[in-house]
Every structure is written in structure tokens, then in C-alpha cells.
PDB file of N, CA and C in Angstrom:
ATOM      1  N   MET A   1      28.104 -12.405 -59.034  1.00  0.00           N
ATOM      2  CA  MET A   1      29.488 -11.923 -59.066  1.00  0.00           C
ATOM      3  C   MET A   1      30.366 -12.857 -58.256  1.00  0.00           C
ATOM      4  N   THR A   2      31.609 -12.957 -58.644  1.00  0.00           N
ATOM      5  CA  THR A   2      32.562 -13.813 -57.953  1.00  0.00           C
ATOM      6  C   THR A   2      32.746 -13.376 -56.504  1.00  0.00           C
ATOM      7  N   THR A   3      33.053 -14.316 -55.639  1.00  0.00           N
ATOM      8  CA  THR A   3      33.231 -13.980 -54.220  1.00  0.00           C
ATOM      9  C   THR A   3      34.446 -13.096 -53.990  1.00  0.00           C
ATOM     10  N   SER A   4      35.456 -13.182 -54.882  1.00  0.00           N
ATOM     11  CA  SER A   4      36.646 -12.349 -54.711  1.00  0.00           C
ATOM     12  C   SER A   4      36.414 -10.924 -55.203  1.00  0.00           C
ATOM     13  N   GLY A   5      35.370 -10.726 -56.036  1.00  0.00           N
ATOM     14  CA  GLY A   5      35.110  -9.407 -56.581  1.00  0.00           C
ATOM     15  C   GLY A   5      36.032  -9.046 -57.733  1.00  0.00           C
ATOM     16  N   LEU A   6      36.930  -9.933 -58.110  1.00  0.00           N
ATOM     17  CA  LEU A   6      37.893  -9.671 -59.165  1.00  0.00           C
ATOM     18  C   LEU A   6      37.250  -9.914 -60.521  1.00  0.00           C
ATOM     19  N   ILE A   7      37.332  -8.921 -61.390  1.00  0.00           N
ATOM     20  CA  ILE A   7      36.860  -9.075 -62.763  1.00  0.00           C
ATOM     21  C   ILE A   7      37.860  -8.404 -63.704  1.00  0.00           C
ATOM     22  N   CYS A   8      37.862  -8.821 -64.948  1.00  0.00           N
ATOM     23  CA  CYS A   8      38.735  -8.206 -65.945  1.00  0.00           C
ATOM     24  C   CYS A   8      38.267  -6.775 -66.190  1.00  0.00           C
ATOM     25  N   SER A   9      39.180  -5.843 -66.112  1.00  0.00           N
ATOM     26  CA  SER A   9      38.848  -4.433 -66.317  1.00  0.00           C
ATOM     27  C   SER A   9      38.476  -4.132 -67.764  1.00  0.00           C
ATOM     28  N   PHE A  10      38.822  -5.031 -68.669  1.00  0.00           N
ATOM     29  CA  PHE A  10      38.579  -4.800 -70.085  1.00  0.00           C
ATOM     30  C   PHE A  10      37.265  -5.418 -70.559  1.00  0.00           C
ATOM     31  N   CYS A  11      37.026  -6.693 -70.225  1.00  0.00           N
ATOM     32  CA  CYS A  11      35.844  -7.382 -70.744  1.00  0.00           C
ATOM     33  C   CYS A  11      34.799  -7.694 -69.673  1.00  0.00           C
ATOM     34  N   GLY A  12      35.171  -7.581 -68.407  1.00  0.00           N
ATOM     35  CA  GLY A  12      34.221  -7.818 -67.327  1.00  0.00           C
ATOM     36  C   GLY A  12      34.045  -9.273 -66.928  1.00  0.00           C
ATOM     37  N   LYS A  13      34.843 -10.165 -67.514  1.00  0.00           N
ATOM     38  CA  LYS A  13      34.706 -11.577 -67.153  1.00  0.00           C
ATOM     39  C   LYS A  13      35.258 -11.830 -65.756  1.00  0.00           C
ATOM     40  N   GLU A  14      34.698 -12.854 -65.127  1.00  0.00           N
ATOM     41  CA  GLU A  14      35.097 -13.256 -63.780  1.00  0.00           C
ATOM     42  C   GLU A  14      36.067 -14.435 -63.867  1.00  0.00           C
ATOM     43  N   PRO A  15      36.800 -14.722 -62.776  1.00  0.00           N
ATOM     44  CA  PRO A  15      37.786 -15.808 -62.789  1.00  0.00           C
ATOM     45  C   PRO A  15      37.228 -17.155 -63.244  1.00  0.00           C
ATOM     46  N   GLU A  16      35.971 -17.415 -62.953  1.00  0.00           N
ATOM     47  CA  GLU A  16      35.370 -18.688 -63.329  1.00  0.00           C
ATOM     48  C   GLU A  16      35.165 -18.814 -64.836  1.00  0.00           C
ATOM     49  N   GLU A  17      35.239 -17.704 -65.560  1.00  0.00           N
ATOM     50  CA  GLU A  17      34.973 -17.698 -66.998  1.00  0.00           C
ATOM     51  C   GLU A  17      36.226 -17.757 -67.854  1.00  0.00           C
ATOM     52  N   VAL A  18      37.394 -17.601 -67.245  1.00  0.00           N
ATOM     53  CA  VAL A  18      38.652 -17.546 -67.992  1.00  0.00           C
ATOM     54  C   VAL A  18      39.699 -18.423 -67.315  1.00  0.00           C
ATOM     55  N   VAL A  19      40.848 -18.550 -67.964  1.00  0.00           N
ATOM     56  CA  VAL A  19      41.935 -19.345 -67.394  1.00  0.00           C
ATOM     57  C   VAL A  19      42.615 -18.595 -66.242  1.00  0.00           C
ATOM     58  N   LEU A  20      42.851 -17.285 -66.436  1.00  0.00           N
ATOM     59  CA  LEU A  20      43.590 -16.513 -65.431  1.00  0.00           C
ATOM     60  C   LEU A  20      43.261 -15.037 -65.549  1.00  0.00           C
ATOM     61  N   ILE A  21      43.201 -14.377 -64.414  1.00  0.00           N
ATOM     62  CA  ILE A  21      43.105 -12.917 -64.373  1.00  0.00           C
ATOM     63  C   ILE A  21      44.305 -12.408 -63.589  1.00  0.00           C
ATOM     64  N   VAL A  22      45.037 -11.488 -64.205  1.00  0.00           N
ATOM     65  CA  VAL A  22      46.187 -10.870 -63.554  1.00  0.00           C
ATOM     66  C   VAL A  22      45.731  -9.542 -62.982  1.00  0.00           C
ATOM     67  N   ASN A  23      45.961  -9.356 -61.705  1.00  0.00           N
ATOM     68  CA  ASN A  23      45.549  -8.160 -60.993  1.00  0.00           C
ATOM     69  C   ASN A  23      46.784  -7.315 -60.695  1.00  0.00           C
ATOM     70  N   ALA A  24      46.653  -6.013 -60.871  1.00  0.00           N
ATOM     71  CA  ALA A  24      47.788  -5.129 -60.605  1.00  0.00           C
ATOM     72  C   ALA A  24      47.326  -3.878 -59.876  1.00  0.00           C
ATOM     73  N   VAL A  25      48.174  -3.384 -59.013  1.00  0.00           N
ATOM     74  CA  VAL A  25      47.939  -2.129 -58.312  1.00  0.00           C
ATOM     75  C   VAL A  25      49.160  -1.249 -58.555  1.00  0.00           C
ATOM     76  N   SER A  26      48.917  -0.016 -58.936  1.00  0.00           N
ATOM     77  CA  SER A  26      50.034   0.911 -59.105  1.00  0.00           C
ATOM     78  C   SER A  26      49.852   2.082 -58.151  1.00  0.00           C
ATOM     79  N   VAL A  27      50.964   2.670 -57.791  1.00  0.00           N
ATOM     80  CA  VAL A  27      50.946   3.802 -56.872  1.00  0.00           C
ATOM     81  C   VAL A  27      51.651   4.964 -57.554  1.00  0.00           C
ATOM     82  N   SER A  28      50.961   6.095 -57.637  1.00  0.00           N
ATOM     83  CA  SER A  28      51.540   7.272 -58.278  1.00  0.00           C
ATOM     84  C   SER A  28      52.554   7.926 -57.347  1.00  0.00           C
ATOM     85  N   ALA A  29      53.283   8.884 -57.888  1.00  0.00           N
ATOM     86  CA  ALA A  29      54.260   9.623 -57.093  1.00  0.00           C
ATOM     87  C   ALA A  29      53.592  10.353 -55.930  1.00  0.00           C
ATOM     88  N   LYS A  30      52.297  10.648 -56.075  1.00  0.00           N
ATOM     89  CA  LYS A  30      51.549  11.322 -55.016  1.00  0.00           C
ATOM     90  C   LYS A  30      50.931  10.346 -54.029  1.00  0.00           C
ATOM     91  N   GLY A  31      51.201   9.059 -54.216  1.00  0.00           N
ATOM     92  CA  GLY A  31      50.697   8.048 -53.299  1.00  0.00           C
ATOM     93  C   GLY A  31      49.296   7.549 -53.606  1.00  0.00           C
ATOM     94  N   GLN A  32      48.738   7.935 -54.737  1.00  0.00           N
ATOM     95  CA  GLN A  32      47.399   7.481 -55.103  1.00  0.00           C
ATOM     96  C   GLN A  32      47.479   6.093 -55.730  1.00  0.00           C
ATOM     97  N   GLN A  33      46.605   5.203 -55.289  1.00  0.00           N
ATOM     98  CA  GLN A  33      46.586   3.848 -55.809  1.00  0.00           C
ATOM     99  C   GLN A  33      45.501   3.689 -56.869  1.00  0.00           C
ATOM    100  N   THR A  34      45.847   2.968 -57.909  1.00  0.00           N
ATOM    101  CA  THR A  34      44.860   2.561 -58.910  1.00  0.00           C
ATOM    102  C   THR A  34      45.033   1.061 -59.132  1.00  0.00           C
ATOM    103  N   ALA A  35      43.932   0.395 -59.399  1.00  0.00           N
ATOM    104  CA  ALA A  35      43.984  -1.055 -59.594  1.00  0.00           C
ATOM    105  C   ALA A  35      43.335  -1.403 -60.926  1.00  0.00           C
ATOM    106  N   GLY A  36      43.800  -2.467 -61.503  1.00  0.00           N
ATOM    107  CA  GLY A  36      43.229  -2.963 -62.743  1.00  0.00           C
ATOM    108  C   GLY A  36      43.524  -4.443 -62.864  1.00  0.00           C
ATOM    109  N   ALA A  37      42.785  -5.098 -63.724  1.00  0.00           N
ATOM    110  CA  ALA A  37      42.980  -6.529 -63.935  1.00  0.00           C
ATOM    111  C   ALA A  37      42.754  -6.833 -65.406  1.00  0.00           C
ATOM    112  N   ILE A  38      43.434  -7.867 -65.902  1.00  0.00           N
ATOM    113  CA  ILE A  38      43.257  -8.283 -67.288  1.00  0.00           C
ATOM    114  C   ILE A  38      43.256  -9.809 -67.345  1.00  0.00           C
ATOM    115  N   CYS A  39      42.343 -10.349 -68.138  1.00  0.00           N
ATOM    116  CA  CYS A  39      42.251 -11.807 -68.266  1.00  0.00           C
ATOM    117  C   CYS A  39      43.095 -12.290 -69.437  1.00  0.00           C
ATOM    118  N   ASN A  40      43.346 -13.597 -69.458  1.00  0.00           N
ATOM    119  CA  ASN A  40      44.157 -14.176 -70.526  1.00  0.00           C
ATOM    120  C   ASN A  40      43.543 -13.944 -71.904  1.00  0.00           C
ATOM    121  N   GLU A  41      42.221 -13.916 -72.001  1.00  0.00           N
ATOM    122  CA  GLU A  41      41.581 -13.713 -73.296  1.00  0.00           C
ATOM    123  C   GLU A  41      41.839 -12.301 -73.823  1.00  0.00           C
ATOM    124  N   CYS A  42      41.827 -11.312 -72.947  1.00  0.00           N
ATOM    125  CA  CYS A  42      42.115  -9.936 -73.363  1.00  0.00           C
ATOM    126  C   CYS A  42      43.596  -9.761 -73.699  1.00  0.00           C
ATOM    127  N   VAL A  43      44.468 -10.469 -72.990  1.00  0.00           N
ATOM    128  CA  VAL A  43      45.892 -10.438 -73.326  1.00  0.00           C
ATOM    129  C   VAL A  43      46.084 -10.992 -74.737  1.00  0.00           C
ATOM    130  N   GLU A  44      45.427 -12.114 -75.047  1.00  0.00           N
ATOM    131  CA  GLU A  44      45.535 -12.701 -76.376  1.00  0.00           C
ATOM    132  C   GLU A  44      45.054 -11.723 -77.447  1.00  0.00           C
ATOM    133  N   LEU A  45      43.952 -11.038 -77.187  1.00  0.00           N
ATOM    134  CA  LEU A  45      43.436 -10.058 -78.132  1.00  0.00           C
ATOM    135  C   LEU A  45      44.435  -8.924 -78.328  1.00  0.00           C
ATOM    136  N   CYS A  46      45.056  -8.465 -77.245  1.00  0.00           N
ATOM    137  CA  CYS A  46      46.055  -7.398 -77.334  1.00  0.00           C
ATOM    138  C   CYS A  46      47.249  -7.832 -78.185  1.00  0.00           C
ATOM    139  N   VAL A  47      47.700  -9.068 -78.000  1.00  0.00           N
ATOM    140  CA  VAL A  47      48.817  -9.585 -78.789  1.00  0.00           C
ATOM    141  C   VAL A  47      48.442  -9.595 -80.272  1.00  0.00           C
ATOM    142  N   GLN A  48      47.227 -10.021 -80.577  1.00  0.00           N
ATOM    143  CA  GLN A  48      46.773 -10.026 -81.967  1.00  0.00           C
ATOM    144  C   GLN A  48      46.761  -8.614 -82.554  1.00  0.00           C
ATOM    145  N   LEU A  49      46.248  -7.663 -81.789  1.00  0.00           N
ATOM    146  CA  LEU A  49      46.175  -6.283 -82.272  1.00  0.00           C
ATOM    147  C   LEU A  49      47.562  -5.681 -82.481  1.00  0.00           C
ATOM    148  N   ILE A  50      48.459  -5.935 -81.537  1.00  0.00           N
ATOM    149  CA  ILE A  50      49.824  -5.423 -81.690  1.00  0.00           C
ATOM    150  C   ILE A  50      50.483  -6.077 -82.897  1.00  0.00           C
ATOM    151  N   GLY A  51      50.261  -7.380 -83.082  1.00  0.00           N
ATOM    152  CA  GLY A  51      50.821  -8.079 -84.230  1.00  0.00           C
ATOM    153  C   GLY A  51      50.349  -7.516 -85.558  1.00  0.00           C
ATOM    154  N   LEU A  52      49.094  -7.072 -85.613  1.00  0.00           N
ATOM    155  CA  LEU A  52      48.585  -6.462 -86.838  1.00  0.00           C
ATOM    156  C   LEU A  52      49.221  -5.096 -87.091  1.00  0.00           C
ATOM    157  N   GLN A  53      49.417  -4.335 -86.026  1.00  0.00           N
ATOM    158  CA  GLN A  53      49.973  -2.987 -86.155  1.00  0.00           C
ATOM    159  C   GLN A  53      51.498  -2.994 -86.287  1.00  0.00           C
ATOM    160  N   LYS A  54      52.129  -3.947 -85.606  1.00  0.00           N
ATOM    161  CA  LYS A  54      53.600  -4.015 -85.570  1.00  0.00           C
ATOM    162  C   LYS A  54      54.048  -5.457 -85.828  1.00  0.00           C
ATOM    163  N   PRO A  55      53.977  -5.941 -87.057  1.00  0.00           N
ATOM    164  CA  PRO A  55      54.309  -7.339 -87.335  1.00  0.00           C
ATOM    165  C   PRO A  55      55.724  -7.735 -86.901  1.00  0.00           C
ATOM    166  N   GLU A  56      56.649  -6.798 -86.935  1.00  0.00           N
ATOM    167  CA  GLU A  56      58.025  -7.111 -86.515  1.00  0.00           C
ATOM    168  C   GLU A  56      58.089  -7.465 -85.030  1.00  0.00           C
ATOM    169  N   TRP A  57      57.195  -6.915 -84.243  1.00  0.00           N
ATOM    170  CA  TRP A  57      57.143  -7.219 -82.809  1.00  0.00           C
ATOM    171  C   TRP A  57      56.677  -8.649 -82.578  1.00  0.00           C
ATOM    172  N   LEU A  58      55.797  -9.131 -83.441  1.00  0.00           N
ATOM    173  CA  LEU A  58      55.192 -10.439 -83.241  1.00  0.00           C
ATOM    174  C   LEU A  58      56.232 -11.550 -83.205  1.00  0.00           C
ATOM    175  N   GLU A  59      57.236 -11.489 -84.052  1.00  0.00           N
ATOM    176  CA  GLU A  59      58.270 -12.533 -84.036  1.00  0.00           C
ATOM    177  C   GLU A  59      59.045 -12.519 -82.728  1.00  0.00           C
ATOM    178  N   ARG A  60      59.359 -11.352 -82.203  1.00  0.00           N
ATOM    179  CA  ARG A  60      60.039 -11.276 -80.897  1.00  0.00           C
ATOM    180  C   ARG A  60      59.154 -11.864 -79.810  1.00  0.00           C
ATOM    181  N   HIS A  61      57.864 -11.611 -79.890  1.00  0.00           N
ATOM    182  CA  HIS A  61      56.923 -12.159 -78.913  1.00  0.00           C
ATOM    183  C   HIS A  61      56.895 -13.686 -79.006  1.00  0.00           C
ATOM    184  N   ARG A  62      56.863 -14.212 -80.215  1.00  0.00           N
ATOM    185  CA  ARG A  62      56.877 -15.674 -80.395  1.00  0.00           C
ATOM    186  C   ARG A  62      58.140 -16.280 -79.799  1.00  0.00           C
ATOM    187  N   GLN A  63      59.274 -15.636 -80.016  1.00  0.00           N
ATOM    188  CA  GLN A  63      60.530 -16.134 -79.467  1.00  0.00           C
ATOM    189  C   GLN A  63      60.500 -16.117 -77.940  1.00  0.00           C
ATOM    190  N   PHE A  64      59.946 -15.082 -77.361  1.00  0.00           N
ATOM    191  CA  PHE A  64      59.832 -14.991 -75.905  1.00  0.00           C
ATOM    192  C   PHE A  64      58.958 -16.104 -75.363  1.00  0.00           C
ATOM    193  N   VAL A  65      57.794 -16.296 -75.972  1.00  0.00           N
ATOM    194  CA  VAL A  65      56.868 -17.326 -75.526  1.00  0.00           C
ATOM    195  C   VAL A  65      57.518 -18.703 -75.623  1.00  0.00           C
ATOM    196  N   ALA A  66      58.301 -18.934 -76.652  1.00  0.00           N
ATOM    197  CA  ALA A  66      58.982 -20.228 -76.819  1.00  0.00           C
ATOM    198  C   ALA A  66      59.951 -20.509 -75.678  1.00  0.00           C
ATOM    199  N   THR A  67      60.530 -19.478 -75.092  1.00  0.00           N
ATOM    200  CA  THR A  67      61.473 -19.680 -73.989  1.00  0.00           C
ATOM    201  C   THR A  67      60.781 -20.012 -72.685  1.00  0.00           C
ATOM    202  N   LEU A  68      59.491 -19.748 -72.567  1.00  0.00           N
ATOM    203  CA  LEU A  68      58.773 -19.984 -71.315  1.00  0.00           C
ATOM    204  C   LEU A  68      58.655 -21.450 -70.970  1.00  0.00           C
ATOM    205  N   GLY A  69      58.602 -22.311 -71.957  1.00  0.00           N
ATOM    206  CA  GLY A  69      58.453 -23.742 -71.701  1.00  0.00           C
ATOM    207  C   GLY A  69      59.749 -24.454 -71.394  1.00  0.00           C
ATOM    208  N   LYS A  70      60.860 -23.747 -71.450  1.00  0.00           N
ATOM    209  CA  LYS A  70      62.169 -24.381 -71.251  1.00  0.00           C
ATOM    210  C   LYS A  70      62.618 -24.304 -69.820  1.00  0.00           C
TER     211      LYS A  70
END
């Protein structure tokens, strides 16, 4: 296991196996914390799935991604 202990909550991959893992912590109104992480590969899969279900969303996503390099 990675020394940081960080793994993707969806696929279980470690940072050494992917380009990036995004880690997030949320706090409920009652003060309870939950944590989760997602790797770039799972994000890509999610985009593909959303694109299949909502093709109109995919074009907006492409336009957004195009602005990131500017």
C-alpha cells in the first residue's frame, strides 16, 4: 500500500498507478466528516457514462475542457 494511504474510493488504485487522485473531505450539518477520493481514470469513466446518458451535456463538457488550456 502507498505510504500516504490514499487510494481511489472507486477502483482502489494507488497514486503510483494513476496520473492523479483527488481527495475530498465533506462535513455534514451535524459536524460529521466523510472522506473520499477519485482517480483520473475513474473521472474519465464517469464522463463517458454521463456522455452516453446525456449526450447534450458532453458538448458543454468539451467546451469547458477546451478553456482549461488557455
